[in-house]
Amino acid sequence: MTKCHERENLLDYVPMRKQEIYCRSDNESVILKKTKQGVFSWFAKHIFHTENYNEFVLEKYGSFLWYGMDGKKSVYDLGMEFQQQFGDETEPLWERLVMYLKILYQNGLIDWKK
């Protein structure tokens, strides 16, 4: 018996910024700080005196996307706004946008809503 799998379109998903991410602006960049979690991070902080957070710096394209993610706009909507703002300098738009959002997700900075 085979299952029928529907392919889901990522353009229909809504990326949402995680609330626990600290965010500040610096000229055209956005700097995000995410607190490290886990036993290894605790040991590293207390034994090696390392910082207890990861820092991510988003350039102008990433900053535009970060502020555009309001929990209501789909990936498609963000892409259209992105294209209006930056024009042809973002091509190939959809491949780059999807890859960028996947990287944000893999680093624990965003979640997805269908």
C-alpha atoms as a PDB file:
ATOM      1  CA  MET A   1       0.000   0.000   0.000  1.00  0.00           C
ATOM      2  CA  THR A   2       1.484   3.352  -1.010  1.00  0.00           C
ATOM      3  CA  LYS A   3       0.819   6.637   0.644  1.00  0.00           C
ATOM      4  CA  CYS A   4       0.006   9.674  -1.413  1.00  0.00           C
ATOM      5  CA  HIS A   5       2.228  12.543  -0.324  1.00  0.00           C
ATOM      6  CA  GLU A   6       1.154  16.053  -1.095  1.00  0.00           C
ATOM      7  CA  ARG A   7       4.007  18.389  -1.784  1.00  0.00           C
ATOM      8  CA  GLU A   8       3.835  21.419   0.414  1.00  0.00           C
ATOM      9  CA  ASN A   9       4.810  24.741  -1.047  1.00  0.00           C
ATOM     10  CA  LEU A  10       7.143  26.745   1.187  1.00  0.00           C
ATOM     11  CA  LEU A  11       5.852  29.963  -0.398  1.00  0.00           C
ATOM     12  CA  ASP A  12       2.557  29.406   1.453  1.00  0.00           C
ATOM     13  CA  TYR A  13       4.213  29.253   4.870  1.00  0.00           C
ATOM     14  CA  VAL A  14       4.492  32.219   7.229  1.00  0.00           C
ATOM     15  CA  PRO A  15       7.884  32.738   8.885  1.00  0.00           C
ATOM     16  CA  MET A  16       7.676  34.074  12.432  1.00  0.00           C
ATOM     17  CA  ARG A  17      10.471  35.620  14.475  1.00  0.00           C
ATOM     18  CA  LYS A  18      11.033  33.868  17.780  1.00  0.00           C
ATOM     19  CA  GLN A  19      10.179  36.116  20.707  1.00  0.00           C
ATOM     20  CA  GLU A  20      13.218  35.157  22.771  1.00  0.00           C
ATOM     21  CA  ILE A  21      15.639  36.588  20.202  1.00  0.00           C
ATOM     22  CA  TYR A  22      17.203  39.910  21.228  1.00  0.00           C
ATOM     23  CA  CYS A  23      17.377  42.314  18.290  1.00  0.00           C
ATOM     24  CA  ARG A  24      19.078  45.680  17.776  1.00  0.00           C
ATOM     25  CA  SER A  25      19.815  47.822  14.740  1.00  0.00           C
ATOM     26  CA  ASP A  26      23.171  49.181  13.667  1.00  0.00           C
ATOM     27  CA  ASN A  27      22.950  51.412  10.549  1.00  0.00           C
ATOM     28  CA  GLU A  28      21.816  49.040   7.758  1.00  0.00           C
ATOM     29  CA  SER A  29      22.379  45.885   9.797  1.00  0.00           C
ATOM     30  CA  VAL A  30      20.348  44.007  12.364  1.00  0.00           C
ATOM     31  CA  ILE A  31      22.199  42.198  15.122  1.00  0.00           C
ATOM     32  CA  LEU A  32      20.417  39.210  16.658  1.00  0.00           C
ATOM     33  CA  LYS A  33      21.435  37.492  19.884  1.00  0.00           C
ATOM     34  CA  LYS A  34      20.211  34.053  20.824  1.00  0.00           C
ATOM     35  CA  THR A  35      20.921  32.581  24.247  1.00  0.00           C
ATOM     36  CA  LYS A  36      22.826  29.299  24.128  1.00  0.00           C
ATOM     37  CA  GLN A  37      21.135  26.371  25.799  1.00  0.00           C
ATOM     38  CA  GLY A  38      22.264  22.976  26.979  1.00  0.00           C
ATOM     39  CA  VAL A  39      24.745  21.398  29.326  1.00  0.00           C
ATOM     40  CA  PHE A  40      27.792  21.994  27.122  1.00  0.00           C
ATOM     41  CA  SER A  41      26.976  25.709  26.880  1.00  0.00           C
ATOM     42  CA  TRP A  42      26.648  25.916  30.654  1.00  0.00           C
ATOM     43  CA  PHE A  43      30.064  24.267  31.130  1.00  0.00           C
ATOM     44  CA  ALA A  44      31.677  26.454  28.463  1.00  0.00           C
ATOM     45  CA  LYS A  45      30.285  29.581  30.105  1.00  0.00           C
ATOM     46  CA  HIS A  46      31.406  28.669  33.616  1.00  0.00           C
ATOM     47  CA  ILE A  47      34.698  26.924  32.887  1.00  0.00           C
ATOM     48  CA  PHE A  48      36.028  28.810  29.852  1.00  0.00           C
ATOM     49  CA  HIS A  49      34.181  32.091  30.555  1.00  0.00           C
ATOM     50  CA  THR A  50      32.645  32.261  27.096  1.00  0.00           C
ATOM     51  CA  GLU A  51      29.611  34.327  26.142  1.00  0.00           C
ATOM     52  CA  ASN A  52      26.231  32.735  26.756  1.00  0.00           C
ATOM     53  CA  TYR A  53      24.784  33.754  23.401  1.00  0.00           C
ATOM     54  CA  ASN A  54      25.278  33.418  19.671  1.00  0.00           C
ATOM     55  CA  GLU A  55      25.345  36.630  17.667  1.00  0.00           C
ATOM     56  CA  PHE A  56      24.056  36.899  14.095  1.00  0.00           C
ATOM     57  CA  VAL A  57      24.564  39.986  11.937  1.00  0.00           C
ATOM     58  CA  LEU A  58      22.080  40.444   9.096  1.00  0.00           C
ATOM     59  CA  GLU A  59      23.050  42.724   6.213  1.00  0.00           C
ATOM     60  CA  LYS A  60      20.555  45.028   4.479  1.00  0.00           C
ATOM     61  CA  TYR A  61      18.691  42.188   2.725  1.00  0.00           C
ATOM     62  CA  GLY A  62      18.422  40.114   5.876  1.00  0.00           C
ATOM     63  CA  SER A  63      17.440  43.161   7.912  1.00  0.00           C
ATOM     64  CA  PHE A  64      14.641  43.958   5.476  1.00  0.00           C
ATOM     65  CA  LEU A  65      13.362  40.379   5.737  1.00  0.00           C
ATOM     66  CA  TRP A  66      13.694  40.297   9.529  1.00  0.00           C
ATOM     67  CA  TYR A  67      11.533  43.383   9.988  1.00  0.00           C
ATOM     68  CA  GLY A  68       9.099  42.126   7.327  1.00  0.00           C
ATOM     69  CA  MET A  69       8.417  38.894   9.213  1.00  0.00           C
ATOM     70  CA  ASP A  70       5.419  39.951  11.245  1.00  0.00           C
ATOM     71  CA  GLY A  71       3.772  36.547  11.594  1.00  0.00           C
ATOM     72  CA  LYS A  72       1.164  37.438   8.965  1.00  0.00           C
ATOM     73  CA  LYS A  73       3.055  37.613   5.655  1.00  0.00           C
ATOM     74  CA  SER A  74       3.790  34.433   3.743  1.00  0.00           C
ATOM     75  CA  VAL A  75       7.123  33.716   2.111  1.00  0.00           C
ATOM     76  CA  TYR A  76       5.512  34.711  -1.196  1.00  0.00           C
ATOM     77  CA  ASP A  77       4.394  38.076   0.236  1.00  0.00           C
ATOM     78  CA  LEU A  78       7.856  38.720   1.654  1.00  0.00           C
ATOM     79  CA  GLY A  79       9.418  37.847  -1.692  1.00  0.00           C
ATOM     80  CA  MET A  80       7.189  40.285  -3.547  1.00  0.00           C
ATOM     81  CA  GLU A  81       8.007  43.094  -1.078  1.00  0.00           C
ATOM     82  CA  PHE A  82      11.675  42.184  -1.311  1.00  0.00           C
ATOM     83  CA  GLN A  83      11.582  42.381  -5.102  1.00  0.00           C
ATOM     84  CA  GLN A  84       9.828  45.756  -5.004  1.00  0.00           C
ATOM     85  CA  GLN A  85      12.410  47.134  -2.577  1.00  0.00           C
ATOM     86  CA  PHE A  86      15.599  45.828  -4.210  1.00  0.00           C
ATOM     87  CA  GLY A  87      14.643  44.997  -7.811  1.00  0.00           C
ATOM     88  CA  ASP A  88      16.958  42.902  -9.969  1.00  0.00           C
ATOM     89  CA  GLU A  89      19.881  42.963  -7.533  1.00  0.00           C
ATOM     90  CA  THR A  90      18.237  40.085  -5.642  1.00  0.00           C
ATOM     91  CA  GLU A  91      18.011  37.629  -8.546  1.00  0.00           C
ATOM     92  CA  PRO A  92      17.589  34.659  -8.375  1.00  0.00           C
ATOM     93  CA  LEU A  93      15.068  35.832  -5.790  1.00  0.00           C
ATOM     94  CA  TRP A  94      13.125  32.719  -4.782  1.00  0.00           C
ATOM     95  CA  GLU A  95      16.098  30.381  -4.428  1.00  0.00           C
ATOM     96  CA  ARG A  96      18.003  32.913  -2.343  1.00  0.00           C
ATOM     97  CA  LEU A  97      14.984  33.814  -0.212  1.00  0.00           C
ATOM     98  CA  VAL A  98      14.116  30.207   0.594  1.00  0.00           C
ATOM     99  CA  MET A  99      17.748  29.366   1.401  1.00  0.00           C
ATOM    100  CA  TYR A 100      18.056  32.428   3.647  1.00  0.00           C
ATOM    101  CA  LEU A 101      14.883  31.556   5.557  1.00  0.00           C
ATOM    102  CA  LYS A 102      16.002  27.938   5.952  1.00  0.00           C
ATOM    103  CA  ILE A 103      19.283  29.125   7.460  1.00  0.00           C
ATOM    104  CA  LEU A 104      17.393  31.358   9.908  1.00  0.00           C
ATOM    105  CA  TYR A 105      15.224  28.372  10.834  1.00  0.00           C
ATOM    106  CA  GLN A 106      18.196  26.014  11.259  1.00  0.00           C
ATOM    107  CA  ASN A 107      19.815  28.519  13.615  1.00  0.00           C
ATOM    108  CA  GLY A 108      16.660  28.678  15.735  1.00  0.00           C
ATOM    109  CA  LEU A 109      15.803  32.287  14.907  1.00  0.00           C
ATOM    110  CA  ILE A 110      12.404  31.700  13.270  1.00  0.00           C
ATOM    111  CA  ASP A 111       9.524  29.229  13.282  1.00  0.00           C
ATOM    112  CA  TRP A 112       7.045  28.373  10.549  1.00  0.00           C
ATOM    113  CA  LYS A 113       3.279  28.741  10.572  1.00  0.00           C
ATOM    114  CA  LYS A 114       1.133  27.190   7.869  1.00  0.00           C
END
